[in-house]
């Protein structure tokens, strides 16, 4: 079985080539709230990341995982 290395970076999401990004989201009173560091990804998605997470059923609860396909973004 082949495994890929996991690299952790504090660089802007706009400046790294990656197959996946892991972003923090917390639970807010009206749905998921983006954690610090998600701004570049939200901007790349034209400010729709929180709304997309809500549409996918994300709540921001602890240990929740939501996959968001990004296509060419």
PDB file of N, CA and C in Angstrom:
ATOM      1  N   UNK A   1       0.836  -1.178   0.000  1.00  0.00           N
ATOM      2  CA  UNK A   1       0.000   0.000   0.000  1.00  0.00           C
ATOM      3  C   UNK A   1       0.881   1.241   0.000  1.00  0.00           C
ATOM      4  N   UNK A   2       0.568   2.182  -0.854  1.00  0.00           N
ATOM      5  CA  UNK A   2       1.317   3.424  -0.942  1.00  0.00           C
ATOM      6  C   UNK A   2       0.652   4.480  -0.071  1.00  0.00           C
ATOM      7  N   UNK A   3       1.443   5.194   0.679  1.00  0.00           N
ATOM      8  CA  UNK A   3       0.916   6.291   1.484  1.00  0.00           C
ATOM      9  C   UNK A   3       1.593   7.581   1.069  1.00  0.00           C
ATOM     10  N   UNK A   4       0.874   8.665   1.194  1.00  0.00           N
ATOM     11  CA  UNK A   4       1.420   9.976   0.881  1.00  0.00           C
ATOM     12  C   UNK A   4       1.813  10.677   2.165  1.00  0.00           C
ATOM     13  N   UNK A   5       2.873  11.455   2.122  1.00  0.00           N
ATOM     14  CA  UNK A   5       3.281  12.169   3.332  1.00  0.00           C
ATOM     15  C   UNK A   5       2.276  13.273   3.670  1.00  0.00           C
ATOM     16  N   UNK A   6       2.160  13.553   4.936  1.00  0.00           N
ATOM     17  CA  UNK A   6       1.323  14.642   5.412  1.00  0.00           C
ATOM     18  C   UNK A   6       2.230  15.802   5.764  1.00  0.00           C
ATOM     19  N   UNK A   7       2.015  16.929   5.130  1.00  0.00           N
ATOM     20  CA  UNK A   7       2.801  18.127   5.410  1.00  0.00           C
ATOM     21  C   UNK A   7       1.896  19.173   6.033  1.00  0.00           C
ATOM     22  N   UNK A   8       2.340  19.755   7.111  1.00  0.00           N
ATOM     23  CA  UNK A   8       1.589  20.804   7.786  1.00  0.00           C
ATOM     24  C   UNK A   8       2.290  22.121   7.499  1.00  0.00           C
ATOM     25  N   UNK A   9       1.491  23.128   7.141  1.00  0.00           N
ATOM     26  CA  UNK A   9       2.059  24.415   6.779  1.00  0.00           C
ATOM     27  C   UNK A   9       1.229  25.548   7.355  1.00  0.00           C
ATOM     28  N   UNK A  10       1.892  26.630   7.680  1.00  0.00           N
ATOM     29  CA  UNK A  10       1.182  27.830   8.120  1.00  0.00           C
ATOM     30  C   UNK A  10       1.132  28.865   6.998  1.00  0.00           C
ATOM     31  N   UNK A  11       1.579  28.449   5.799  1.00  0.00           N
ATOM     32  CA  UNK A  11       1.543  29.361   4.657  1.00  0.00           C
ATOM     33  C   UNK A  11       0.106  29.579   4.205  1.00  0.00           C
ATOM     34  N   UNK A  12      -0.092  30.640   3.464  1.00  0.00           N
ATOM     35  CA  UNK A  12      -1.401  30.921   2.897  1.00  0.00           C
ATOM     36  C   UNK A  12      -1.830  29.775   1.994  1.00  0.00           C
ATOM     37  N   UNK A  13      -3.106  29.435   2.033  1.00  0.00           N
ATOM     38  CA  UNK A  13      -3.622  28.366   1.170  1.00  0.00           C
ATOM     39  C   UNK A  13      -3.429  28.704  -0.303  1.00  0.00           C
ATOM     40  N   UNK A  14      -3.332  29.979  -0.625  1.00  0.00           N
ATOM     41  CA  UNK A  14      -3.126  30.398  -2.010  1.00  0.00           C
ATOM     42  C   UNK A  14      -1.720  30.077  -2.516  1.00  0.00           C
ATOM     43  N   UNK A  15      -0.782  29.864  -1.613  1.00  0.00           N
ATOM     44  CA  UNK A  15       0.609  29.700  -2.028  1.00  0.00           C
ATOM     45  C   UNK A  15       1.113  28.259  -1.987  1.00  0.00           C
ATOM     46  N   UNK A  16       0.255  27.311  -1.646  1.00  0.00           N
ATOM     47  CA  UNK A  16       0.703  25.924  -1.580  1.00  0.00           C
ATOM     48  C   UNK A  16      -0.054  25.056  -2.583  1.00  0.00           C
ATOM     49  N   UNK A  17       0.640  24.060  -3.096  1.00  0.00           N
ATOM     50  CA  UNK A  17      -0.004  23.063  -3.950  1.00  0.00           C
ATOM     51  C   UNK A  17      -0.394  21.908  -3.038  1.00  0.00           C
ATOM     52  N   UNK A  18      -1.665  21.545  -3.049  1.00  0.00           N
ATOM     53  CA  UNK A  18      -2.132  20.498  -2.137  1.00  0.00           C
ATOM     54  C   UNK A  18      -3.295  19.729  -2.737  1.00  0.00           C
ATOM     55  N   UNK A  19      -3.414  18.494  -2.320  1.00  0.00           N
ATOM     56  CA  UNK A  19      -4.555  17.672  -2.717  1.00  0.00           C
ATOM     57  C   UNK A  19      -5.730  17.875  -1.769  1.00  0.00           C
ATOM     58  N   UNK A  20      -5.448  18.342  -0.562  1.00  0.00           N
ATOM     59  CA  UNK A  20      -6.502  18.560   0.429  1.00  0.00           C
ATOM     60  C   UNK A  20      -6.080  19.670   1.381  1.00  0.00           C
ATOM     61  N   UNK A  21      -7.058  20.384   1.882  1.00  0.00           N
ATOM     62  CA  UNK A  21      -6.829  21.402   2.907  1.00  0.00           C
ATOM     63  C   UNK A  21      -7.704  21.051   4.099  1.00  0.00           C
ATOM     64  N   UNK A  22      -7.171  21.230   5.282  1.00  0.00           N
ATOM     65  CA  UNK A  22      -7.940  21.011   6.497  1.00  0.00           C
ATOM     66  C   UNK A  22      -8.142  22.374   7.134  1.00  0.00           C
ATOM     67  N   UNK A  23      -9.402  22.750   7.300  1.00  0.00           N
ATOM     68  CA  UNK A  23      -9.734  24.065   7.845  1.00  0.00           C
ATOM     69  C   UNK A  23     -10.526  23.910   9.128  1.00  0.00           C
ATOM     70  N   UNK A  24     -10.299  24.814  10.041  1.00  0.00           N
ATOM     71  CA  UNK A  24     -11.062  24.812  11.281  1.00  0.00           C
ATOM     72  C   UNK A  24     -12.388  25.536  11.110  1.00  0.00           C
ATOM     73  N   UNK A  25     -13.404  24.958  11.709  1.00  0.00           N
ATOM     74  CA  UNK A  25     -14.743  25.551  11.720  1.00  0.00           C
ATOM     75  C   UNK A  25     -15.290  25.348  13.122  1.00  0.00           C
ATOM     76  N   UNK A  26     -15.919  26.363  13.652  1.00  0.00           N
ATOM     77  CA  UNK A  26     -16.522  26.210  14.979  1.00  0.00           C
ATOM     78  C   UNK A  26     -18.021  26.427  14.889  1.00  0.00           C
ATOM     79  N   UNK A  27     -18.712  26.016  15.916  1.00  0.00           N
ATOM     80  CA  UNK A  27     -20.158  26.124  15.942  1.00  0.00           C
ATOM     81  C   UNK A  27     -20.557  27.518  16.413  1.00  0.00           C
ATOM     82  N   UNK A  28     -21.327  28.215  15.597  1.00  0.00           N
ATOM     83  CA  UNK A  28     -21.844  29.523  15.953  1.00  0.00           C
ATOM     84  C   UNK A  28     -23.339  29.439  16.211  1.00  0.00           C
ATOM     85  N   UNK A  29     -23.948  30.522  16.656  1.00  0.00           N
ATOM     86  CA  UNK A  29     -25.380  30.493  16.963  1.00  0.00           C
ATOM     87  C   UNK A  29     -26.264  30.251  15.736  1.00  0.00           C
ATOM     88  N   UNK A  30     -25.765  30.598  14.554  1.00  0.00           N
ATOM     89  CA  UNK A  30     -26.558  30.433  13.333  1.00  0.00           C
ATOM     90  C   UNK A  30     -25.933  29.476  12.334  1.00  0.00           C
ATOM     91  N   UNK A  31     -25.029  28.618  12.802  1.00  0.00           N
ATOM     92  CA  UNK A  31     -24.382  27.672  11.904  1.00  0.00           C
ATOM     93  C   UNK A  31     -22.884  27.730  12.032  1.00  0.00           C
ATOM     94  N   UNK A  32     -22.185  27.105  11.093  1.00  0.00           N
ATOM     95  CA  UNK A  32     -20.724  27.051  11.179  1.00  0.00           C
ATOM     96  C   UNK A  32     -20.075  28.418  10.989  1.00  0.00           C
ATOM     97  N   UNK A  33     -18.992  28.628  11.727  1.00  0.00           N
ATOM     98  CA  UNK A  33     -18.219  29.864  11.647  1.00  0.00           C
ATOM     99  C   UNK A  33     -16.784  29.480  11.295  1.00  0.00           C
ATOM    100  N   UNK A  34     -16.240  30.122  10.295  1.00  0.00           N
ATOM    101  CA  UNK A  34     -14.874  29.812   9.862  1.00  0.00           C
ATOM    102  C   UNK A  34     -13.868  30.235  10.924  1.00  0.00           C
ATOM    103  N   UNK A  35     -12.906  29.371  11.194  1.00  0.00           N
ATOM    104  CA  UNK A  35     -11.844  29.686  12.139  1.00  0.00           C
ATOM    105  C   UNK A  35     -10.763  30.507  11.437  1.00  0.00           C
ATOM    106  N   UNK A  36      -9.900  31.103  12.226  1.00  0.00           N
ATOM    107  CA  UNK A  36      -8.792  31.872  11.675  1.00  0.00           C
ATOM    108  C   UNK A  36      -7.988  30.993  10.727  1.00  0.00           C
ATOM    109  N   UNK A  37      -7.569  31.549   9.619  1.00  0.00           N
ATOM    110  CA  UNK A  37      -6.793  30.821   8.638  1.00  0.00           C
ATOM    111  C   UNK A  37      -7.595  30.364   7.433  1.00  0.00           C
ATOM    112  N   UNK A  38      -8.919  30.466   7.508  1.00  0.00           N
ATOM    113  CA  UNK A  38      -9.770  30.018   6.405  1.00  0.00           C
ATOM    114  C   UNK A  38     -10.077  31.139   5.409  1.00  0.00           C
ATOM    115  N   UNK A  39      -9.585  32.334   5.655  1.00  0.00           N
ATOM    116  CA  UNK A  39      -9.930  33.492   4.835  1.00  0.00           C
ATOM    117  C   UNK A  39      -9.538  33.329   3.375  1.00  0.00           C
ATOM    118  N   UNK A  40      -8.344  32.817   3.106  1.00  0.00           N
ATOM    119  CA  UNK A  40      -7.899  32.660   1.718  1.00  0.00           C
ATOM    120  C   UNK A  40      -8.769  31.663   0.956  1.00  0.00           C
ATOM    121  N   UNK A  41      -9.140  30.579   1.625  1.00  0.00           N
ATOM    122  CA  UNK A  41      -9.987  29.588   0.970  1.00  0.00           C
ATOM    123  C   UNK A  41     -11.371  30.183   0.719  1.00  0.00           C
ATOM    124  N   UNK A  42     -11.899  30.890   1.691  1.00  0.00           N
ATOM    125  CA  UNK A  42     -13.195  31.548   1.523  1.00  0.00           C
ATOM    126  C   UNK A  42     -13.146  32.545   0.369  1.00  0.00           C
ATOM    127  N   UNK A  43     -12.077  33.309   0.274  1.00  0.00           N
ATOM    128  CA  UNK A  43     -11.930  34.277  -0.816  1.00  0.00           C
ATOM    129  C   UNK A  43     -11.850  33.578  -2.167  1.00  0.00           C
ATOM    130  N   UNK A  44     -11.143  32.446  -2.225  1.00  0.00           N
ATOM    131  CA  UNK A  44     -11.031  31.697  -3.479  1.00  0.00           C
ATOM    132  C   UNK A  44     -12.388  31.154  -3.925  1.00  0.00           C
ATOM    133  N   UNK A  45     -13.284  30.961  -2.969  1.00  0.00           N
ATOM    134  CA  UNK A  45     -14.629  30.472  -3.267  1.00  0.00           C
ATOM    135  C   UNK A  45     -15.644  31.621  -3.284  1.00  0.00           C
ATOM    136  N   UNK A  46     -15.140  32.828  -3.513  1.00  0.00           N
ATOM    137  CA  UNK A  46     -15.983  34.028  -3.620  1.00  0.00           C
ATOM    138  C   UNK A  46     -16.830  34.290  -2.384  1.00  0.00           C
ATOM    139  N   UNK A  47     -16.268  34.005  -1.209  1.00  0.00           N
ATOM    140  CA  UNK A  47     -16.952  34.306   0.041  1.00  0.00           C
ATOM    141  C   UNK A  47     -18.112  33.372   0.363  1.00  0.00           C
ATOM    142  N   UNK A  48     -18.136  32.197  -0.254  1.00  0.00           N
ATOM    143  CA  UNK A  48     -19.277  31.295  -0.070  1.00  0.00           C
ATOM    144  C   UNK A  48     -18.983  30.080   0.802  1.00  0.00           C
ATOM    145  N   UNK A  49     -17.813  30.011   1.433  1.00  0.00           N
ATOM    146  CA  UNK A  49     -17.436  28.801   2.162  1.00  0.00           C
ATOM    147  C   UNK A  49     -18.403  28.494   3.307  1.00  0.00           C
ATOM    148  N   UNK A  50     -18.731  29.453   4.148  1.00  0.00           N
ATOM    149  CA  UNK A  50     -19.644  29.195   5.274  1.00  0.00           C
ATOM    150  C   UNK A  50     -21.023  28.774   4.768  1.00  0.00           C
ATOM    151  N   UNK A  51     -21.516  29.428   3.732  1.00  0.00           N
ATOM    152  CA  UNK A  51     -22.822  29.063   3.175  1.00  0.00           C
ATOM    153  C   UNK A  51     -22.772  27.664   2.559  1.00  0.00           C
ATOM    154  N   UNK A  52     -21.659  27.326   1.924  1.00  0.00           N
ATOM    155  CA  UNK A  52     -21.505  25.992   1.348  1.00  0.00           C
ATOM    156  C   UNK A  52     -21.500  24.943   2.451  1.00  0.00           C
ATOM    157  N   UNK A  53     -20.787  25.200   3.526  1.00  0.00           N
ATOM    158  CA  UNK A  53     -20.760  24.271   4.650  1.00  0.00           C
ATOM    159  C   UNK A  53     -22.158  24.069   5.229  1.00  0.00           C
ATOM    160  N   UNK A  54     -22.898  25.148   5.375  1.00  0.00           N
ATOM    161  CA  UNK A  54     -24.268  25.057   5.881  1.00  0.00           C
ATOM    162  C   UNK A  54     -25.131  24.217   4.947  1.00  0.00           C
ATOM    163  N   UNK A  55     -25.005  24.462   3.644  1.00  0.00           N
ATOM    164  CA  UNK A  55     -25.786  23.704   2.655  1.00  0.00           C
ATOM    165  C   UNK A  55     -25.453  22.213   2.689  1.00  0.00           C
ATOM    166  N   UNK A  56     -24.230  21.883   3.067  1.00  0.00           N
ATOM    167  CA  UNK A  56     -23.806  20.485   3.157  1.00  0.00           C
ATOM    168  C   UNK A  56     -24.167  19.854   4.500  1.00  0.00           C
ATOM    169  N   UNK A  57     -24.786  20.636   5.378  1.00  0.00           N
ATOM    170  CA  UNK A  57     -25.217  20.114   6.674  1.00  0.00           C
ATOM    171  C   UNK A  57     -24.213  20.259   7.790  1.00  0.00           C
ATOM    172  N   UNK A  58     -23.124  20.978   7.558  1.00  0.00           N
ATOM    173  CA  UNK A  58     -22.114  21.179   8.603  1.00  0.00           C
ATOM    174  C   UNK A  58     -22.683  22.049   9.717  1.00  0.00           C
ATOM    175  N   UNK A  59     -22.276  21.745  10.934  1.00  0.00           N
ATOM    176  CA  UNK A  59     -22.727  22.521  12.088  1.00  0.00           C
ATOM    177  C   UNK A  59     -21.572  23.186  12.823  1.00  0.00           C
ATOM    178  N   UNK A  60     -20.357  22.657  12.615  1.00  0.00           N
ATOM    179  CA  UNK A  60     -19.207  23.169  13.344  1.00  0.00           C
ATOM    180  C   UNK A  60     -18.999  22.485  14.676  1.00  0.00           C
ATOM    181  N   UNK A  61     -19.777  21.428  14.949  1.00  0.00           N
ATOM    182  CA  UNK A  61     -19.620  20.714  16.214  1.00  0.00           C
ATOM    183  C   UNK A  61     -18.254  20.032  16.272  1.00  0.00           C
ATOM    184  N   UNK A  62     -17.787  19.829  17.488  1.00  0.00           N
ATOM    185  CA  UNK A  62     -16.499  19.178  17.720  1.00  0.00           C
ATOM    186  C   UNK A  62     -16.458  17.820  17.028  1.00  0.00           C
ATOM    187  N   UNK A  63     -15.329  17.507  16.419  1.00  0.00           N
ATOM    188  CA  UNK A  63     -15.042  16.233  15.743  1.00  0.00           C
ATOM    189  C   UNK A  63     -15.829  16.030  14.449  1.00  0.00           C
ATOM    190  N   UNK A  64     -16.559  17.018  13.987  1.00  0.00           N
ATOM    191  CA  UNK A  64     -17.304  16.899  12.737  1.00  0.00           C
ATOM    192  C   UNK A  64     -16.358  17.051  11.551  1.00  0.00           C
ATOM    193  N   UNK A  65     -16.586  16.263  10.520  1.00  0.00           N
ATOM    194  CA  UNK A  65     -15.805  16.362   9.286  1.00  0.00           C
ATOM    195  C   UNK A  65     -16.777  16.562   8.131  1.00  0.00           C
ATOM    196  N   UNK A  66     -16.516  17.576   7.325  1.00  0.00           N
ATOM    197  CA  UNK A  66     -17.326  17.840   6.144  1.00  0.00           C
ATOM    198  C   UNK A  66     -16.384  17.980   4.967  1.00  0.00           C
ATOM    199  N   UNK A  67     -16.629  17.221   3.925  1.00  0.00           N
ATOM    200  CA  UNK A  67     -15.796  17.301   2.724  1.00  0.00           C
ATOM    201  C   UNK A  67     -16.459  18.245   1.736  1.00  0.00           C
ATOM    202  N   UNK A  68     -15.669  19.169   1.194  1.00  0.00           N
ATOM    203  CA  UNK A  68     -16.166  20.141   0.229  1.00  0.00           C
ATOM    204  C   UNK A  68     -15.370  19.976  -1.063  1.00  0.00           C
ATOM    205  N   UNK A  69     -16.016  19.513  -2.125  1.00  0.00           N
ATOM    206  CA  UNK A  69     -15.293  19.418  -3.401  1.00  0.00           C
ATOM    207  C   UNK A  69     -15.016  20.808  -3.935  1.00  0.00           C
ATOM    208  N   UNK A  70     -13.809  21.032  -4.420  1.00  0.00           N
ATOM    209  CA  UNK A  70     -13.441  22.369  -4.879  1.00  0.00           C
ATOM    210  C   UNK A  70     -13.187  22.446  -6.369  1.00  0.00           C
ATOM    211  N   UNK A  71     -13.204  21.338  -7.058  1.00  0.00           N
ATOM    212  CA  UNK A  71     -12.970  21.363  -8.490  1.00  0.00           C
ATOM    213  C   UNK A  71     -11.625  21.978  -8.817  1.00  0.00           C
ATOM    214  N   UNK A  72     -11.614  22.959  -9.694  1.00  0.00           N
ATOM    215  CA  UNK A  72     -10.373  23.616 -10.108  1.00  0.00           C
ATOM    216  C   UNK A  72      -9.964  24.756  -9.196  1.00  0.00           C
ATOM    217  N   UNK A  73     -10.719  25.022  -8.177  1.00  0.00           N
ATOM    218  CA  UNK A  73     -10.429  26.142  -7.291  1.00  0.00           C
ATOM    219  C   UNK A  73      -9.144  25.869  -6.596  1.00  0.00           C
TER     220      UNK A  73
END
